[in-house]
Amino acid sequence: MSNLILSEVIMPDVQGDEQFFARKARSKDVGGLMDPIIGFDHFELTHDIFGPHPHAGMSAISYVFEDSAAYHSVDSRGNNIMITPGSLLWTWAGKGVVHSEFPVPEGATVEGLQLFVNIPAANKQDDPKSIFIENSKIPEIKEEGVRVRVVTGESGNMVNKTATPDSLTLLHIFLEAGKEFSHQLPAQWSGTVFAISGLFDFATNQETTQLEEGMIMAAANSNSAEPLKFIAITNCELIFISGKPLHEALFSKGAMVMNSKDALLKAEEDYTNGKMGFIEVAGETRKVIKPVH
């Protein structure tokens, strides 16, 4: 029998300036225990910092917090989606797509989570797709002093019915001081806790760890379902992300992630040769250049 393995607690530095800053976590920082999560950024931005850029072999998930400005996404497949506050856009990149995301209006502050998720090697050459989960379609668990947004996946009897390309549970948890929330981590899944604000205990069958703003901890590799508890010491807000590990090699450049050097080289060539399409930006206008075949 394999018991749950817990990572060390990490606290990544906040990077950036007044136009963009983020707390960045990567799976390698916790010994790979986030898998299939490659990493995530808790970010704030006020401008189109990154411009049009390619993704391939992975998912880029943009979850915009409820008190954020809107975040507009345009991609080379013709998707044009306003990610309204409290909503999520899942860009499943497959063999490659170019996208651009920017605040609306320009200069307004967007706050949220950018999540990077590996795609199984067998599916990396599939066509890209986008799934939008509007704020009103996100169910909530509500008890006195407890509110949990089931952004994707499920917790207990609460299921988000929106079908996603890969199985992933993303919970946005709000607790008042003295309250607690329980969640069961499925057997063999990984789970990652990120403290947005406040102070709370993260309790497993093995140990209890106190986490505060900015701290991250991952758990994985149990052959049985694991009960987890989040126990608020002060009012707190946190994110919990869980999925089934792929245990596959990663070869990456920027936001292109493949399972071999040759596959990564092909992705780079496809981008250069226009096979992923492009977005041309002129002022506030964005022109979609469709992929060539």
C-alpha atoms as a PDB file:
ATOM      1  CA  MET A   1       0.000   0.000   0.000  1.00  0.00           C
ATOM      2  CA  SER A   2       1.270   3.445  -0.935  1.00  0.00           C
ATOM      3  CA  ASN A   3       0.645   6.278   1.524  1.00  0.00           C
ATOM      4  CA  LEU A   4       0.078   9.920   0.661  1.00  0.00           C
ATOM      5  CA  ILE A   5       3.334  11.780   0.023  1.00  0.00           C
ATOM      6  CA  LEU A   6       3.429  15.422   1.125  1.00  0.00           C
ATOM      7  CA  SER A   7       5.727  18.052  -0.322  1.00  0.00           C
ATOM      8  CA  GLU A   8       7.559  20.684   1.629  1.00  0.00           C
ATOM      9  CA  VAL A   9       5.754  23.997   1.980  1.00  0.00           C
ATOM     10  CA  ILE A  10       7.034  26.524  -0.533  1.00  0.00           C
ATOM     11  CA  MET A  11       6.460  30.268  -0.793  1.00  0.00           C
ATOM     12  CA  PRO A  12       7.378  31.580  -4.235  1.00  0.00           C
ATOM     13  CA  ASP A  13       8.427  35.200  -4.541  1.00  0.00           C
ATOM     14  CA  VAL A  14       6.051  37.735  -6.056  1.00  0.00           C
ATOM     15  CA  GLN A  15       7.524  38.878  -9.372  1.00  0.00           C
ATOM     16  CA  GLY A  16       6.712  41.861 -11.566  1.00  0.00           C
ATOM     17  CA  ASP A  17       5.671  45.522 -11.400  1.00  0.00           C
ATOM     18  CA  GLU A  18       2.526  47.672 -11.320  1.00  0.00           C
ATOM     19  CA  GLN A  19       1.458  46.465 -14.808  1.00  0.00           C
ATOM     20  CA  PHE A  20       1.886  42.766 -14.045  1.00  0.00           C
ATOM     21  CA  PHE A  21       2.869  40.793 -10.997  1.00  0.00           C
ATOM     22  CA  ALA A  22       2.428  37.173 -10.091  1.00  0.00           C
ATOM     23  CA  ARG A  23       3.249  34.471  -7.616  1.00  0.00           C
ATOM     24  CA  LYS A  24       4.495  31.596  -9.778  1.00  0.00           C
ATOM     25  CA  ALA A  25       4.526  27.926  -8.717  1.00  0.00           C
ATOM     26  CA  ARG A  26       5.886  25.065 -10.799  1.00  0.00           C
ATOM     27  CA  SER A  27       5.568  21.312 -10.260  1.00  0.00           C
ATOM     28  CA  LYS A  28       9.340  20.911 -10.068  1.00  0.00           C
ATOM     29  CA  ASP A  29       9.283  23.180  -6.991  1.00  0.00           C
ATOM     30  CA  VAL A  30       7.390  20.463  -5.085  1.00  0.00           C
ATOM     31  CA  GLY A  31       9.196  17.423  -6.467  1.00  0.00           C
ATOM     32  CA  GLY A  32       6.748  16.874  -9.316  1.00  0.00           C
ATOM     33  CA  LEU A  33       3.848  16.200  -6.925  1.00  0.00           C
ATOM     34  CA  MET A  34       1.522  18.593  -8.817  1.00  0.00           C
ATOM     35  CA  ASP A  35       1.456  16.356 -11.939  1.00  0.00           C
ATOM     36  CA  PRO A  36      -0.565  16.731 -14.235  1.00  0.00           C
ATOM     37  CA  ILE A  37      -0.298  20.393 -13.246  1.00  0.00           C
ATOM     38  CA  ILE A  38       2.823  21.866 -14.821  1.00  0.00           C
ATOM     39  CA  GLY A  39       2.440  25.012 -12.761  1.00  0.00           C
ATOM     40  CA  PHE A  40       0.268  28.028 -12.067  1.00  0.00           C
ATOM     41  CA  ASP A  41       0.447  31.792 -11.619  1.00  0.00           C
ATOM     42  CA  HIS A  42      -1.664  33.844  -9.238  1.00  0.00           C
ATOM     43  CA  PHE A  43      -1.535  37.093 -11.176  1.00  0.00           C
ATOM     44  CA  GLU A  44      -2.691  40.678 -11.435  1.00  0.00           C
ATOM     45  CA  LEU A  45      -2.274  42.714 -14.600  1.00  0.00           C
ATOM     46  CA  THR A  46      -3.550  45.947 -16.104  1.00  0.00           C
ATOM     47  CA  HIS A  47      -2.334  45.671 -19.714  1.00  0.00           C
ATOM     48  CA  ASP A  48      -1.736  43.141 -22.496  1.00  0.00           C
ATOM     49  CA  ILE A  49       1.675  42.138 -21.147  1.00  0.00           C
ATOM     50  CA  PHE A  50       2.396  39.008 -23.167  1.00  0.00           C
ATOM     51  CA  GLY A  51       0.945  39.793 -26.601  1.00  0.00           C
ATOM     52  CA  PRO A  52      -0.035  36.944 -28.941  1.00  0.00           C
ATOM     53  CA  HIS A  53       1.832  33.744 -28.045  1.00  0.00           C
ATOM     54  CA  PRO A  54       1.626  30.021 -28.875  1.00  0.00           C
ATOM     55  CA  HIS A  55       0.540  27.102 -26.701  1.00  0.00           C
ATOM     56  CA  ALA A  56       0.944  23.448 -27.683  1.00  0.00           C
ATOM     57  CA  GLY A  57       0.760  20.079 -25.930  1.00  0.00           C
ATOM     58  CA  MET A  58      -0.838  21.541 -22.806  1.00  0.00           C
ATOM     59  CA  SER A  59      -3.874  23.383 -21.476  1.00  0.00           C
ATOM     60  CA  ALA A  60      -3.816  27.025 -20.446  1.00  0.00           C
ATOM     61  CA  ILE A  61      -6.686  27.656 -18.027  1.00  0.00           C
ATOM     62  CA  SER A  62      -7.627  31.230 -17.113  1.00  0.00           C
ATOM     63  CA  TYR A  63      -9.814  31.527 -14.007  1.00  0.00           C
ATOM     64  CA  VAL A  64     -10.788  35.137 -13.291  1.00  0.00           C
ATOM     65  CA  PHE A  65     -11.697  36.026  -9.700  1.00  0.00           C
ATOM     66  CA  GLU A  66     -15.110  37.480  -8.863  1.00  0.00           C
ATOM     67  CA  ASP A  67     -13.816  40.951  -7.928  1.00  0.00           C
ATOM     68  CA  SER A  68     -11.651  41.209 -11.067  1.00  0.00           C
ATOM     69  CA  ALA A  69     -12.124  43.161 -14.274  1.00  0.00           C
ATOM     70  CA  ALA A  70     -13.059  41.141 -17.357  1.00  0.00           C
ATOM     71  CA  TYR A  71     -10.331  39.364 -19.337  1.00  0.00           C
ATOM     72  CA  HIS A  72     -10.774  39.170 -23.125  1.00  0.00           C
ATOM     73  CA  SER A  73      -9.356  36.163 -24.999  1.00  0.00           C
ATOM     74  CA  VAL A  74      -8.892  35.922 -28.772  1.00  0.00           C
ATOM     75  CA  ASP A  75      -7.238  32.927 -30.441  1.00  0.00           C
ATOM     76  CA  SER A  76      -6.134  31.805 -33.891  1.00  0.00           C
ATOM     77  CA  ARG A  77      -8.991  29.309 -34.154  1.00  0.00           C
ATOM     78  CA  GLY A  78     -11.443  32.196 -34.174  1.00  0.00           C
ATOM     79  CA  ASN A  79     -12.586  31.948 -30.547  1.00  0.00           C
ATOM     80  CA  ASN A  80     -13.423  35.384 -29.170  1.00  0.00           C
ATOM     81  CA  ILE A  81     -14.458  35.109 -25.528  1.00  0.00           C
ATOM     82  CA  MET A  82     -14.932  37.634 -22.740  1.00  0.00           C
ATOM     83  CA  ILE A  83     -13.910  35.920 -19.503  1.00  0.00           C
ATOM     84  CA  THR A  84     -16.259  37.725 -17.155  1.00  0.00           C
ATOM     85  CA  PRO A  85     -15.512  37.974 -13.406  1.00  0.00           C
ATOM     86  CA  GLY A  86     -15.888  34.594 -11.692  1.00  0.00           C
ATOM     87  CA  SER A  87     -15.646  32.667 -14.995  1.00  0.00           C
ATOM     88  CA  LEU A  88     -13.110  30.260 -16.509  1.00  0.00           C
ATOM     89  CA  LEU A  89     -11.726  29.673 -20.002  1.00  0.00           C
ATOM     90  CA  TRP A  90     -10.008  26.351 -20.669  1.00  0.00           C
ATOM     91  CA  THR A  91      -7.774  26.574 -23.750  1.00  0.00           C
ATOM     92  CA  TRP A  92      -6.855  22.982 -24.602  1.00  0.00           C
ATOM     93  CA  ALA A  93      -4.000  23.642 -27.009  1.00  0.00           C
ATOM     94  CA  GLY A  94      -3.446  20.189 -28.537  1.00  0.00           C
ATOM     95  CA  LYS A  95      -1.185  20.498 -31.578  1.00  0.00           C
ATOM     96  CA  GLY A  96      -1.038  24.252 -31.229  1.00  0.00           C
ATOM     97  CA  VAL A  97      -2.948  27.519 -31.007  1.00  0.00           C
ATOM     98  CA  VAL A  98      -1.971  31.183 -30.651  1.00  0.00           C
ATOM     99  CA  HIS A  99      -3.917  33.375 -28.270  1.00  0.00           C
ATOM    100  CA  SER A 100      -3.975  36.846 -26.797  1.00  0.00           C
ATOM    101  CA  GLU A 101      -5.562  37.854 -23.480  1.00  0.00           C
ATOM    102  CA  PHE A 102      -6.042  41.415 -22.271  1.00  0.00           C
ATOM    103  CA  PRO A 103      -8.036  43.359 -19.643  1.00  0.00           C
ATOM    104  CA  VAL A 104     -11.278  45.148 -20.457  1.00  0.00           C
ATOM    105  CA  PRO A 105     -11.112  48.074 -20.272  1.00  0.00           C
ATOM    106  CA  GLU A 106      -7.375  48.572 -20.845  1.00  0.00           C
ATOM    107  CA  GLY A 107      -5.827  49.665 -17.552  1.00  0.00           C
ATOM    108  CA  ALA A 108      -8.365  47.828 -15.393  1.00  0.00           C
ATOM    109  CA  THR A 109      -6.993  45.235 -12.976  1.00  0.00           C
ATOM    110  CA  VAL A 110      -7.508  41.572 -13.807  1.00  0.00           C
ATOM    111  CA  GLU A 111      -6.809  39.134 -10.967  1.00  0.00           C
ATOM    112  CA  GLY A 112      -6.969  35.402 -11.287  1.00  0.00           C
ATOM    113  CA  LEU A 113      -5.251  32.084 -11.677  1.00  0.00           C
ATOM    114  CA  GLN A 114      -3.452  30.959 -14.831  1.00  0.00           C
ATOM    115  CA  LEU A 115      -3.128  27.195 -14.687  1.00  0.00           C
ATOM    116  CA  PHE A 116      -0.930  25.087 -16.975  1.00  0.00           C
ATOM    117  CA  VAL A 117      -1.934  21.433 -17.306  1.00  0.00           C
ATOM    118  CA  ASN A 118      -0.131  18.693 -19.220  1.00  0.00           C
ATOM    119  CA  ILE A 119      -1.995  16.827 -21.982  1.00  0.00           C
ATOM    120  CA  PRO A 120      -1.419  13.065 -22.401  1.00  0.00           C
ATOM    121  CA  ALA A 121       1.203  12.333 -25.071  1.00  0.00           C
ATOM    122  CA  ALA A 122      -1.347  10.359 -27.082  1.00  0.00           C
ATOM    123  CA  ASN A 123      -3.502  13.502 -27.478  1.00  0.00           C
ATOM    124  CA  LYS A 124      -0.902  16.210 -28.034  1.00  0.00           C
ATOM    125  CA  GLN A 125      -1.467  16.212 -31.831  1.00  0.00           C
ATOM    126  CA  ASP A 126      -5.253  16.567 -31.584  1.00  0.00           C
ATOM    127  CA  ASP A 127      -6.975  19.765 -32.701  1.00  0.00           C
ATOM    128  CA  PRO A 128      -7.206  22.511 -30.062  1.00  0.00           C
ATOM    129  CA  LYS A 129     -10.492  23.411 -28.387  1.00  0.00           C
ATOM    130  CA  SER A 130     -11.843  25.963 -25.940  1.00  0.00           C
ATOM    131  CA  ILE A 131     -14.332  25.464 -23.104  1.00  0.00           C
ATOM    132  CA  PHE A 132     -15.877  28.484 -21.392  1.00  0.00           C
ATOM    133  CA  ILE A 133     -17.495  28.067 -17.974  1.00  0.00           C
ATOM    134  CA  GLU A 134     -19.539  31.155 -17.202  1.00  0.00           C
ATOM    135  CA  ASN A 135     -19.800  32.394 -13.618  1.00  0.00           C
ATOM    136  CA  SER A 136     -23.467  31.367 -13.312  1.00  0.00           C
ATOM    137  CA  LYS A 137     -22.589  27.781 -14.336  1.00  0.00           C
ATOM    138  CA  ILE A 138     -20.203  27.292 -11.407  1.00  0.00           C
ATOM    139  CA  PRO A 139     -22.024  25.548  -8.524  1.00  0.00           C
ATOM    140  CA  GLU A 140     -21.248  26.370  -4.892  1.00  0.00           C
ATOM    141  CA  ILE A 141     -21.209  24.528  -1.599  1.00  0.00           C
ATOM    142  CA  LYS A 142     -22.648  26.885   1.008  1.00  0.00           C
ATOM    143  CA  GLU A 143     -22.787  26.394   4.756  1.00  0.00           C
ATOM    144  CA  GLU A 144     -22.527  28.855   7.626  1.00  0.00           C
ATOM    145  CA  GLY A 145     -19.083  30.466   7.288  1.00  0.00           C
ATOM    146  CA  VAL A 146     -18.173  28.224   4.332  1.00  0.00           C
ATOM    147  CA  ARG A 147     -18.389  28.928   0.589  1.00  0.00           C
ATOM    148  CA  VAL A 148     -16.739  26.669  -1.985  1.00  0.00           C
ATOM    149  CA  ARG A 149     -16.898  27.351  -5.718  1.00  0.00           C
ATOM    150  CA  VAL A 150     -16.633  24.068  -7.650  1.00  0.00           C
ATOM    151  CA  VAL A 151     -15.011  25.726 -10.661  1.00  0.00           C
ATOM    152  CA  THR A 152     -14.356  22.379 -12.367  1.00  0.00           C
ATOM    153  CA  GLY A 153     -14.772  18.775 -11.272  1.00  0.00           C
ATOM    154  CA  GLU A 154     -16.521  17.826  -8.068  1.00  0.00           C
ATOM    155  CA  SER A 155     -16.420  17.780  -4.290  1.00  0.00           C
ATOM    156  CA  GLY A 156     -18.696  15.576  -2.204  1.00  0.00           C
ATOM    157  CA  ASN A 157     -22.133  15.628  -3.828  1.00  0.00           C
ATOM    158  CA  MET A 158     -21.522  18.895  -5.677  1.00  0.00           C
ATOM    159  CA  VAL A 159     -20.577  18.385  -9.327  1.00  0.00           C
ATOM    160  CA  ASN A 160     -19.785  20.964 -11.976  1.00  0.00           C
ATOM    161  CA  LYS A 161     -21.660  19.525 -14.947  1.00  0.00           C
ATOM    162  CA  THR A 162     -19.549  21.244 -17.601  1.00  0.00           C
ATOM    163  CA  ALA A 163     -17.558  18.608 -19.481  1.00  0.00           C
ATOM    164  CA  THR A 164     -13.824  19.374 -19.623  1.00  0.00           C
ATOM    165  CA  PRO A 165     -11.168  17.830 -21.904  1.00  0.00           C
ATOM    166  CA  ASP A 166      -9.326  16.246 -18.974  1.00  0.00           C
ATOM    167  CA  SER A 167     -10.426  15.402 -15.431  1.00  0.00           C
ATOM    168  CA  LEU A 168      -9.476  18.213 -13.063  1.00  0.00           C
ATOM    169  CA  THR A 169     -11.017  19.528  -9.862  1.00  0.00           C
ATOM    170  CA  LEU A 170     -10.519  23.213  -9.106  1.00  0.00           C
ATOM    171  CA  LEU A 171     -12.021  24.497  -5.853  1.00  0.00           C
ATOM    172  CA  HIS A 172     -12.038  28.128  -4.726  1.00  0.00           C
ATOM    173  CA  ILE A 173     -12.611  27.995  -0.973  1.00  0.00           C
ATOM    174  CA  PHE A 174     -13.667  30.802   1.401  1.00  0.00           C
ATOM    175  CA  LEU A 175     -13.753  30.083   5.153  1.00  0.00           C
ATOM    176  CA  GLU A 176     -14.556  32.218   8.179  1.00  0.00           C
ATOM    177  CA  ALA A 177     -12.388  31.872  11.285  1.00  0.00           C
ATOM    178  CA  GLY A 178     -13.122  28.635  13.145  1.00  0.00           C
ATOM    179  CA  LYS A 179     -14.896  26.972  10.218  1.00  0.00           C
ATOM    180  CA  GLU A 180     -13.663  23.974   8.244  1.00  0.00           C
ATOM    181  CA  PHE A 181     -14.220  22.227   4.924  1.00  0.00           C
ATOM    182  CA  SER A 182     -13.575  18.565   4.066  1.00  0.00           C
ATOM    183  CA  HIS A 183     -12.733  17.120   0.660  1.00  0.00           C
ATOM    184  CA  GLN A 184     -11.784  13.609  -0.428  1.00  0.00           C
ATOM    185  CA  LEU A 185      -8.792  13.290  -2.743  1.00  0.00           C
ATOM    186  CA  PRO A 186      -9.366  10.353  -5.145  1.00  0.00           C
ATOM    187  CA  ALA A 187      -6.915   7.460  -5.057  1.00  0.00           C
ATOM    188  CA  GLN A 188      -3.723   8.117  -7.032  1.00  0.00           C
ATOM    189  CA  TRP A 189      -4.627  11.766  -7.670  1.00  0.00           C
ATOM    190  CA  SER A 190      -2.406  14.706  -6.808  1.00  0.00           C
ATOM    191  CA  GLY A 191      -3.701  17.682  -4.859  1.00  0.00           C
ATOM    192  CA  THR A 192      -2.192  21.156  -4.526  1.00  0.00           C
ATOM    193  CA  VAL A 193      -3.169  23.780  -1.944  1.00  0.00           C
ATOM    194  CA  PHE A 194      -2.485  27.478  -2.519  1.00  0.00           C
ATOM    195  CA  ALA A 195      -3.186  30.009   0.251  1.00  0.00           C
ATOM    196  CA  ILE A 196      -4.479  33.280  -1.207  1.00  0.00           C
ATOM    197  CA  SER A 197      -5.100  35.019   2.118  1.00  0.00           C
ATOM    198  CA  GLY A 198      -5.499  34.336   5.818  1.00  0.00           C
ATOM    199  CA  LEU A 199      -4.263  31.492   7.983  1.00  0.00           C
ATOM    200  CA  PHE A 200      -5.514  27.886   8.038  1.00  0.00           C
ATOM    201  CA  ASP A 201      -4.545  24.303   8.840  1.00  0.00           C
ATOM    202  CA  PHE A 202      -4.276  21.782   6.012  1.00  0.00           C
ATOM    203  CA  ALA A 203      -4.929  18.388   7.639  1.00  0.00           C
ATOM    204  CA  THR A 204      -4.315  14.913   6.196  1.00  0.00           C
ATOM    205  CA  ASN A 205      -4.222  11.510   7.919  1.00  0.00           C
ATOM    206  CA  GLN A 206      -0.451  11.909   8.189  1.00  0.00           C
ATOM    207  CA  GLU A 207      -0.053  15.417   9.574  1.00  0.00           C
ATOM    208  CA  THR A 208      -1.467  18.910   9.908  1.00  0.00           C
ATOM    209  CA  THR A 209       0.356  21.874   8.365  1.00  0.00           C
ATOM    210  CA  GLN A 210      -0.370  25.538   8.979  1.00  0.00           C
ATOM    211  CA  LEU A 211      -0.438  27.633   5.800  1.00  0.00           C
ATOM    212  CA  GLU A 212      -0.603  31.380   5.321  1.00  0.00           C
ATOM    213  CA  GLU A 213      -0.797  33.799   2.402  1.00  0.00           C
ATOM    214  CA  GLY A 214       1.387  32.760  -0.535  1.00  0.00           C
ATOM    215  CA  MET A 215       2.221  29.266   0.736  1.00  0.00           C
ATOM    216  CA  ILE A 216       1.839  26.196  -1.476  1.00  0.00           C
ATOM    217  CA  MET A 217       1.827  22.499  -0.630  1.00  0.00           C
ATOM    218  CA  ALA A 218       1.204  19.394  -2.734  1.00  0.00           C
ATOM    219  CA  ALA A 219       0.193  15.827  -1.913  1.00  0.00           C
ATOM    220  CA  ALA A 220       0.097  12.737  -4.142  1.00  0.00           C
ATOM    221  CA  ASN A 221       0.715   9.011  -4.706  1.00  0.00           C
ATOM    222  CA  SER A 222      -1.801   7.433  -2.322  1.00  0.00           C
ATOM    223  CA  ASN A 223      -3.391   4.177  -3.515  1.00  0.00           C
ATOM    224  CA  SER A 224      -6.540   4.943  -1.563  1.00  0.00           C
ATOM    225  CA  ALA A 225      -8.864   7.928  -1.303  1.00  0.00           C
ATOM    226  CA  GLU A 226      -7.550  10.454   1.210  1.00  0.00           C
ATOM    227  CA  PRO A 227      -9.688  12.685   3.458  1.00  0.00           C
ATOM    228  CA  LEU A 228      -8.426  16.260   3.569  1.00  0.00           C
ATOM    229  CA  LYS A 229      -9.500  19.114   5.831  1.00  0.00           C
ATOM    230  CA  PHE A 230      -9.038  22.867   5.579  1.00  0.00           C
ATOM    231  CA  ILE A 231      -9.522  24.435   9.027  1.00  0.00           C
ATOM    232  CA  ALA A 232      -9.658  28.226   9.208  1.00  0.00           C
ATOM    233  CA  ILE A 233      -7.678  29.943  11.962  1.00  0.00           C
ATOM    234  CA  THR A 234      -8.562  33.385  10.561  1.00  0.00           C
ATOM    235  CA  ASN A 235     -10.882  34.280   7.712  1.00  0.00           C
ATOM    236  CA  CYS A 236      -9.136  32.770   4.703  1.00  0.00           C
ATOM    237  CA  GLU A 237      -9.290  32.174   0.966  1.00  0.00           C
ATOM    238  CA  LEU A 238      -7.542  29.341  -0.836  1.00  0.00           C
ATOM    239  CA  ILE A 239      -7.385  27.322  -4.033  1.00  0.00           C
ATOM    240  CA  PHE A 240      -7.277  23.532  -4.186  1.00  0.00           C
ATOM    241  CA  ILE A 241      -6.398  21.839  -7.501  1.00  0.00           C
ATOM    242  CA  SER A 242      -6.368  18.075  -8.088  1.00  0.00           C
ATOM    243  CA  GLY A 243      -5.959  15.712 -11.016  1.00  0.00           C
ATOM    244  CA  LYS A 244      -4.599  12.309 -12.003  1.00  0.00           C
ATOM    245  CA  PRO A 245      -0.834  12.318 -12.683  1.00  0.00           C
ATOM    246  CA  LEU A 246       0.387  11.381 -16.171  1.00  0.00           C
ATOM    247  CA  HIS A 247       3.961  10.431 -15.196  1.00  0.00           C
ATOM    248  CA  GLU A 248       5.190  11.484 -18.631  1.00  0.00           C
ATOM    249  CA  ALA A 249       8.367  13.270 -19.693  1.00  0.00           C
ATOM    250  CA  LEU A 250       8.185  17.028 -20.293  1.00  0.00           C
ATOM    251  CA  PHE A 251      10.162  18.919 -22.919  1.00  0.00           C
ATOM    252  CA  SER A 252       9.188  22.567 -22.993  1.00  0.00           C
ATOM    253  CA  LYS A 253       9.930  25.901 -24.581  1.00  0.00           C
ATOM    254  CA  GLY A 254       7.815  28.799 -23.441  1.00  0.00           C
ATOM    255  CA  ALA A 255       4.225  27.576 -23.377  1.00  0.00           C
ATOM    256  CA  MET A 256       4.820  24.612 -25.686  1.00  0.00           C
ATOM    257  CA  VAL A 257       5.137  21.312 -23.804  1.00  0.00           C
ATOM    258  CA  MET A 258       5.819  18.025 -25.568  1.00  0.00           C
ATOM    259  CA  ASN A 259       6.914  14.539 -24.540  1.00  0.00           C
ATOM    260  CA  SER A 260      10.125  14.411 -26.609  1.00  0.00           C
ATOM    261  CA  LYS A 261      12.748  16.731 -28.091  1.00  0.00           C
ATOM    262  CA  ASP A 262      11.638  15.834 -31.612  1.00  0.00           C
ATOM    263  CA  ALA A 263       7.995  16.616 -30.831  1.00  0.00           C
ATOM    264  CA  LEU A 264       8.999  19.962 -29.327  1.00  0.00           C
ATOM    265  CA  LEU A 265      11.092  20.800 -32.385  1.00  0.00           C
ATOM    266  CA  LYS A 266       8.117  19.971 -34.626  1.00  0.00           C
ATOM    267  CA  ALA A 267       5.861  22.246 -32.538  1.00  0.00           C
ATOM    268  CA  GLU A 268       8.353  25.114 -32.924  1.00  0.00           C
ATOM    269  CA  GLU A 269       8.495  24.517 -36.691  1.00  0.00           C
ATOM    270  CA  ASP A 270       4.696  24.375 -36.929  1.00  0.00           C
ATOM    271  CA  TYR A 271       4.447  27.742 -35.170  1.00  0.00           C
ATOM    272  CA  THR A 272       7.123  29.327 -37.385  1.00  0.00           C
ATOM    273  CA  ASN A 273       5.430  27.951 -40.525  1.00  0.00           C
ATOM    274  CA  GLY A 274       2.016  29.327 -39.584  1.00  0.00           C
ATOM    275  CA  LYS A 275       0.401  25.974 -38.826  1.00  0.00           C
ATOM    276  CA  MET A 276      -0.880  27.307 -35.487  1.00  0.00           C
ATOM    277  CA  GLY A 277      -2.124  30.564 -37.025  1.00  0.00           C
ATOM    278  CA  PHE A 278      -1.438  33.956 -35.484  1.00  0.00           C
ATOM    279  CA  ILE A 279      -3.005  37.110 -34.041  1.00  0.00           C
ATOM    280  CA  GLU A 280      -1.941  40.444 -35.561  1.00  0.00           C
ATOM    281  CA  VAL A 281      -2.280  43.418 -33.204  1.00  0.00           C
ATOM    282  CA  ALA A 282      -2.677  47.011 -34.427  1.00  0.00           C
ATOM    283  CA  GLY A 283      -3.629  49.355 -31.602  1.00  0.00           C
ATOM    284  CA  GLU A 284      -6.774  47.883 -30.041  1.00  0.00           C
ATOM    285  CA  THR A 285      -7.538  45.782 -33.134  1.00  0.00           C
ATOM    286  CA  ARG A 286      -6.679  42.097 -33.219  1.00  0.00           C
ATOM    287  CA  LYS A 287      -6.799  40.288 -36.558  1.00  0.00           C
ATOM    288  CA  VAL A 288      -6.995  36.493 -36.598  1.00  0.00           C
ATOM    289  CA  ILE A 289      -4.693  34.730 -39.061  1.00  0.00           C
ATOM    290  CA  LYS A 290      -6.062  31.193 -39.418  1.00  0.00           C
ATOM    291  CA  PRO A 291      -3.661  28.201 -39.413  1.00  0.00           C
ATOM    292  CA  VAL A 292      -2.224  27.149 -42.769  1.00  0.00           C
ATOM    293  CA  HIS A 293      -2.461  23.494 -43.771  1.00  0.00           C
END
